[in-house]
C-alpha atoms as a PDB file:
ATOM      1  CA  UNK A   1      41.547  31.359 -95.254  1.00  0.00           C
ATOM      2  CA  UNK A   2      43.296  33.254 -92.494  1.00  0.00           C
ATOM      3  CA  UNK A   3      46.584  34.927 -93.322  1.00  0.00           C
ATOM      4  CA  UNK A   4      48.413  33.875 -90.150  1.00  0.00           C
ATOM      5  CA  UNK A   5      49.518  30.257 -90.081  1.00  0.00           C
ATOM      6  CA  UNK A   6      49.593  28.103 -86.974  1.00  0.00           C
ATOM      7  CA  UNK A   7      52.944  27.013 -85.608  1.00  0.00           C
ATOM      8  CA  UNK A   8      53.588  23.354 -84.870  1.00  0.00           C
ATOM      9  CA  UNK A   9      53.113  24.056 -81.156  1.00  0.00           C
ATOM     10  CA  UNK A  10      49.805  25.850 -81.762  1.00  0.00           C
ATOM     11  CA  UNK A  11      48.601  22.985 -83.934  1.00  0.00           C
ATOM     12  CA  UNK A  12      49.430  20.511 -81.156  1.00  0.00           C
ATOM     13  CA  UNK A  13      47.545  22.625 -78.615  1.00  0.00           C
ATOM     14  CA  UNK A  14      44.482  22.781 -80.859  1.00  0.00           C
ATOM     15  CA  UNK A  15      44.620  19.042 -81.628  1.00  0.00           C
ATOM     16  CA  UNK A  16      44.490  18.295 -77.904  1.00  0.00           C
ATOM     17  CA  UNK A  17      40.920  19.644 -77.747  1.00  0.00           C
ATOM     18  CA  UNK A  18      38.120  17.131 -78.056  1.00  0.00           C
ATOM     19  CA  UNK A  19      36.315  19.666 -80.246  1.00  0.00           C
ATOM     20  CA  UNK A  20      38.973  19.717 -82.985  1.00  0.00           C
ATOM     21  CA  UNK A  21      38.703  17.111 -85.730  1.00  0.00           C
ATOM     22  CA  UNK A  22      41.908  18.161 -87.449  1.00  0.00           C
ATOM     23  CA  UNK A  23      44.149  21.144 -87.961  1.00  0.00           C
ATOM     24  CA  UNK A  24      46.592  22.231 -90.641  1.00  0.00           C
ATOM     25  CA  UNK A  25      48.895  25.238 -90.697  1.00  0.00           C
ATOM     26  CA  UNK A  26      45.989  27.226 -92.186  1.00  0.00           C
ATOM     27  CA  UNK A  27      42.681  25.663 -91.144  1.00  0.00           C
ATOM     28  CA  UNK A  28      40.985  24.232 -88.055  1.00  0.00           C
ATOM     29  CA  UNK A  29      38.144  21.745 -88.480  1.00  0.00           C
ATOM     30  CA  UNK A  30      35.796  21.685 -85.483  1.00  0.00           C
ATOM     31  CA  UNK A  31      33.295  19.000 -84.494  1.00  0.00           C
ATOM     32  CA  UNK A  32      29.583  19.498 -85.047  1.00  0.00           C
ATOM     33  CA  UNK A  33      29.155  19.389 -81.264  1.00  0.00           C
ATOM     34  CA  UNK A  34      31.502  22.363 -80.882  1.00  0.00           C
ATOM     35  CA  UNK A  35      29.691  24.357 -83.551  1.00  0.00           C
ATOM     36  CA  UNK A  36      26.311  23.661 -81.929  1.00  0.00           C
ATOM     37  CA  UNK A  37      27.536  24.623 -78.467  1.00  0.00           C
ATOM     38  CA  UNK A  38      29.167  27.821 -79.704  1.00  0.00           C
ATOM     39  CA  UNK A  39      25.995  28.761 -81.579  1.00  0.00           C
ATOM     40  CA  UNK A  40      23.834  28.211 -78.489  1.00  0.00           C
ATOM     41  CA  UNK A  41      26.153  30.355 -76.375  1.00  0.00           C
ATOM     42  CA  UNK A  42      26.194  33.131 -78.972  1.00  0.00           C
ATOM     43  CA  UNK A  43      22.410  33.146 -79.350  1.00  0.00           C
ATOM     44  CA  UNK A  44      22.070  33.334 -75.568  1.00  0.00           C
ATOM     45  CA  UNK A  45      24.007  36.613 -75.615  1.00  0.00           C
ATOM     46  CA  UNK A  46      27.656  35.614 -75.236  1.00  0.00           C
ATOM     47  CA  UNK A  47      30.256  36.995 -77.630  1.00  0.00           C
ATOM     48  CA  UNK A  48      31.856  34.556 -80.060  1.00  0.00           C
ATOM     49  CA  UNK A  49      35.269  34.945 -78.423  1.00  0.00           C
ATOM     50  CA  UNK A  50      33.890  34.236 -74.959  1.00  0.00           C
ATOM     51  CA  UNK A  51      31.902  31.244 -76.252  1.00  0.00           C
ATOM     52  CA  UNK A  52      34.992  29.739 -77.844  1.00  0.00           C
ATOM     53  CA  UNK A  53      37.014  30.368 -74.667  1.00  0.00           C
ATOM     54  CA  UNK A  54      34.294  28.811 -72.488  1.00  0.00           C
ATOM     55  CA  UNK A  55      34.667  25.613 -74.515  1.00  0.00           C
ATOM     56  CA  UNK A  56      38.426  25.541 -73.949  1.00  0.00           C
ATOM     57  CA  UNK A  57      39.762  27.003 -77.196  1.00  0.00           C
ATOM     58  CA  UNK A  58      42.031  30.045 -76.902  1.00  0.00           C
ATOM     59  CA  UNK A  59      40.355  32.787 -78.988  1.00  0.00           C
ATOM     60  CA  UNK A  60      43.666  34.645 -79.339  1.00  0.00           C
ATOM     61  CA  UNK A  61      45.176  31.553 -80.902  1.00  0.00           C
ATOM     62  CA  UNK A  62      42.403  31.421 -83.506  1.00  0.00           C
ATOM     63  CA  UNK A  63      42.311  35.145 -84.175  1.00  0.00           C
ATOM     64  CA  UNK A  64      39.330  37.300 -85.123  1.00  0.00           C
ATOM     65  CA  UNK A  65      39.190  36.078 -88.732  1.00  0.00           C
ATOM     66  CA  UNK A  66      38.696  32.450 -87.747  1.00  0.00           C
ATOM     67  CA  UNK A  67      36.215  33.149 -84.976  1.00  0.00           C
END
C-alpha cells in the first residue's frame, strides 16, 4: 500500500477515468483493459509512467510506488 493517501478531489479525478473500477483513499483498482493496454505499451518500449499518461491517468497523481 502506498504511504500517500488520495484527497477527495484526486479520488474524483481518478474515478472519472473509464479505466478505474474504484478508488479509495489508499488504493486504485484498474480495469483489466487498462492493465492489458499498459502492459502492451511497456513491452513495446514505453516507460510505465508514459504508458499510464498515454491512457489518460496522471502518473504524478499515482506516484512511483503505485505505477
